[in-house]
Protein backbone atom coordinates (compact mmCIF):
# COMPACT_ATOMS: atom_id res chain seq x y z
CA MET A 1 0.00 0.00 0.00
CA CYS A 2 1.19 3.48 -0.84
CA SER A 3 -0.24 6.64 0.68
CA ALA A 4 1.16 10.01 -0.35
CA ASP A 5 0.39 13.71 -0.34
CA VAL A 6 1.47 15.30 -3.58
CA GLN A 7 2.03 19.03 -3.93
CA SER A 8 2.82 20.93 -7.07
CA ARG A 9 2.51 24.35 -8.68
CA PHE A 10 1.22 24.84 -12.20
CA LYS A 11 1.56 27.81 -14.49
CA LEU A 12 -1.86 28.10 -16.13
CA THR A 13 -3.52 30.50 -18.56
CA CYS A 14 -6.80 32.10 -17.50
CA ASP A 15 -9.72 31.25 -19.79
CA ARG A 16 -11.22 34.75 -19.45
CA CYS A 17 -8.32 37.21 -19.61
CA LEU A 18 -5.64 34.93 -21.16
CA GLY A 19 -3.18 35.98 -18.44
CA ASP A 20 -0.75 33.54 -16.86
CA TYR A 21 -1.10 32.69 -13.17
CA LEU A 22 0.25 30.16 -10.68
CA SER A 23 -2.01 27.56 -9.12
CA ASP A 24 -1.03 25.38 -6.16
CA VAL A 25 -2.29 21.80 -6.18
CA ASN A 26 -2.49 19.45 -3.21
CA GLU A 27 -3.64 15.89 -3.85
CA HIS A 28 -3.82 12.82 -1.64
CA LEU A 29 -2.99 9.51 -3.30
CA ASP A 30 -3.85 6.05 -1.95
CA LEU A 31 -2.73 3.06 -4.01
CA ILE A 32 -2.73 -0.65 -3.32
CA PHE A 33 -0.21 -2.72 -5.30
CA THR A 34 -0.90 -6.40 -5.68
CA LYS A 35 0.22 -9.34 -7.79
CA GLU A 36 -3.00 -11.27 -7.21
CA GLU A 37 -5.76 -10.82 -9.76
CA ASP A 38 -9.12 -9.90 -8.35
CA ASP A 39 -12.46 -9.56 -10.15
CA GLU A 40 -13.19 -6.38 -8.24
CA LYS A 41 -12.40 -3.23 -10.23
CA ASP A 42 -11.03 -0.33 -8.21
CA ASP A 43 -9.04 2.67 -9.42
CA ASN A 44 -6.82 2.47 -6.34
CA ILE A 45 -5.72 -1.12 -6.95
CA VAL A 46 -2.73 -1.56 -9.28
CA LEU A 47 -2.03 -5.04 -10.61
CA LEU A 48 1.66 -5.88 -10.88
CA SER A 49 3.12 -8.68 -12.96
CA GLN A 50 4.92 -11.54 -11.21
CA GLN A 51 8.27 -10.28 -12.58
CA ASP A 52 7.92 -6.74 -11.18
CA ILE A 53 10.48 -5.91 -8.53
CA ASP A 54 10.37 -2.12 -8.61
CA ILE A 55 7.27 0.06 -8.58
CA ASP A 56 7.23 3.25 -10.62
CA LEU A 57 4.98 5.80 -8.89
CA LEU A 58 5.54 8.54 -11.47
CA PRO A 59 2.60 7.62 -13.78
CA HIS A 60 0.20 7.53 -10.83
CA VAL A 61 1.43 10.84 -9.41
CA ARG A 62 1.30 12.45 -12.87
CA GLU A 63 -2.28 11.25 -13.40
CA ALA A 64 -3.42 12.58 -10.01
CA LEU A 65 -1.86 15.98 -10.70
CA ILE A 66 -3.26 16.26 -14.22
CA LEU A 67 -6.74 15.33 -13.02
CA SER A 68 -6.54 18.02 -10.33
CA ILE A 69 -6.23 20.83 -12.90
CA PRO A 70 -9.60 22.58 -13.08
CA PHE A 71 -11.58 22.34 -16.32
CA LYS A 72 -12.31 26.08 -16.29
CA LYS A 73 -9.09 27.84 -15.41
CA LEU A 74 -9.61 31.28 -13.81
CA CYS A 75 -6.94 33.55 -12.34
CA SER A 76 -9.60 34.68 -9.83
CA GLU A 77 -13.34 34.16 -9.39
CA ASP A 78 -14.01 37.83 -10.20
CA CYS A 79 -11.87 37.97 -13.35
CA LYS A 80 -13.48 40.44 -15.76
CA GLY A 81 -11.88 39.04 -18.90
CA LEU A 82 -11.20 40.86 -22.14
CA CYS A 83 -13.26 43.47 -24.00
CA ILE A 84 -14.91 41.76 -26.95
CA THR A 85 -14.36 44.81 -29.14
CA CYS A 86 -10.84 46.10 -28.47
CA GLY A 87 -9.32 43.22 -26.47
CA ALA A 88 -8.40 45.34 -23.42
CA ASP A 89 -7.81 43.38 -20.20
CA LEU A 90 -10.68 44.68 -18.07
CA ASN A 91 -8.89 43.62 -14.87
CA HIS A 92 -6.14 46.21 -15.46
CA GLU A 93 -7.66 48.95 -17.60
CA ALA A 94 -10.98 50.49 -18.49
CA CYS A 95 -12.29 49.90 -21.97
CA THR A 96 -12.54 53.00 -24.15
CA CYS A 97 -14.83 51.45 -26.75
CA LYS A 98 -18.06 53.21 -27.58
CA ASN A 99 -20.78 50.72 -28.36
CA GLU A 100 -23.28 53.28 -29.61
CA GLU A 101 -24.17 51.40 -32.78
CA PRO A 102 -25.96 48.16 -31.97
CA ASP A 103 -25.02 44.99 -33.72
CA PRO A 104 -27.47 44.54 -36.64
CA ARG A 105 -27.58 40.79 -36.06
CA TRP A 106 -29.74 41.41 -32.96
CA GLU A 107 -32.49 43.37 -34.79
CA LYS A 108 -34.74 40.34 -35.44
CA LEU A 109 -34.52 39.35 -31.79
CA LYS A 110 -35.46 42.91 -30.70
CA GLU A 111 -38.46 42.80 -33.03
CA LEU A 112 -39.54 39.48 -31.56
CA LYS A 113 -39.20 40.87 -28.03
CA LYS A 114 -41.33 43.92 -28.92
CA SER A 115 -44.03 41.75 -30.48
CA LEU A 116 -44.12 39.52 -27.38
CA GLU A 117 -44.36 42.54 -25.09
CA SER A 118 -47.19 44.05 -27.12
CA ALA A 119 -49.03 40.71 -27.11
CA GLU A 120 -48.89 40.58 -23.30
CA GLU A 121 -50.55 44.02 -22.98
C-alpha cells in the first residue's frame, strides 16, 4: 500500500483574460499494489506482474496531478476578462470602446421581443 500527499505548482492560462497565473495543487494519493488478480475493479488497486520488482509511482502521481487541474481555469473568481471589441484586459484597464451602434444581427430578436411585449398588454 502506498499513501502520499502530492504538492505541485502549475503555471496556467486564465480562460477569461488569457493571463498567466500560478495555481497550487495538493492531492492525496492512496494506491494498493498487488500481484493477485481480483475480479473487483477499483481505481486504487494496481495489478503488478509476477516479474515486477520495482514500482514506478511517477505515472500515478502524474495522473493525479493532471486530473486536479480545473476544467475552467480562472486567475480569480471575479476575473473580468477581455473586452470583446478592443481586447483590453478589463482587470487592469478600463475599456474605451463606444458601443453606440448596436449589432445589426440582434435586430430580429429585438423585433420578436417587442411583439411579445405588445401581445402581453
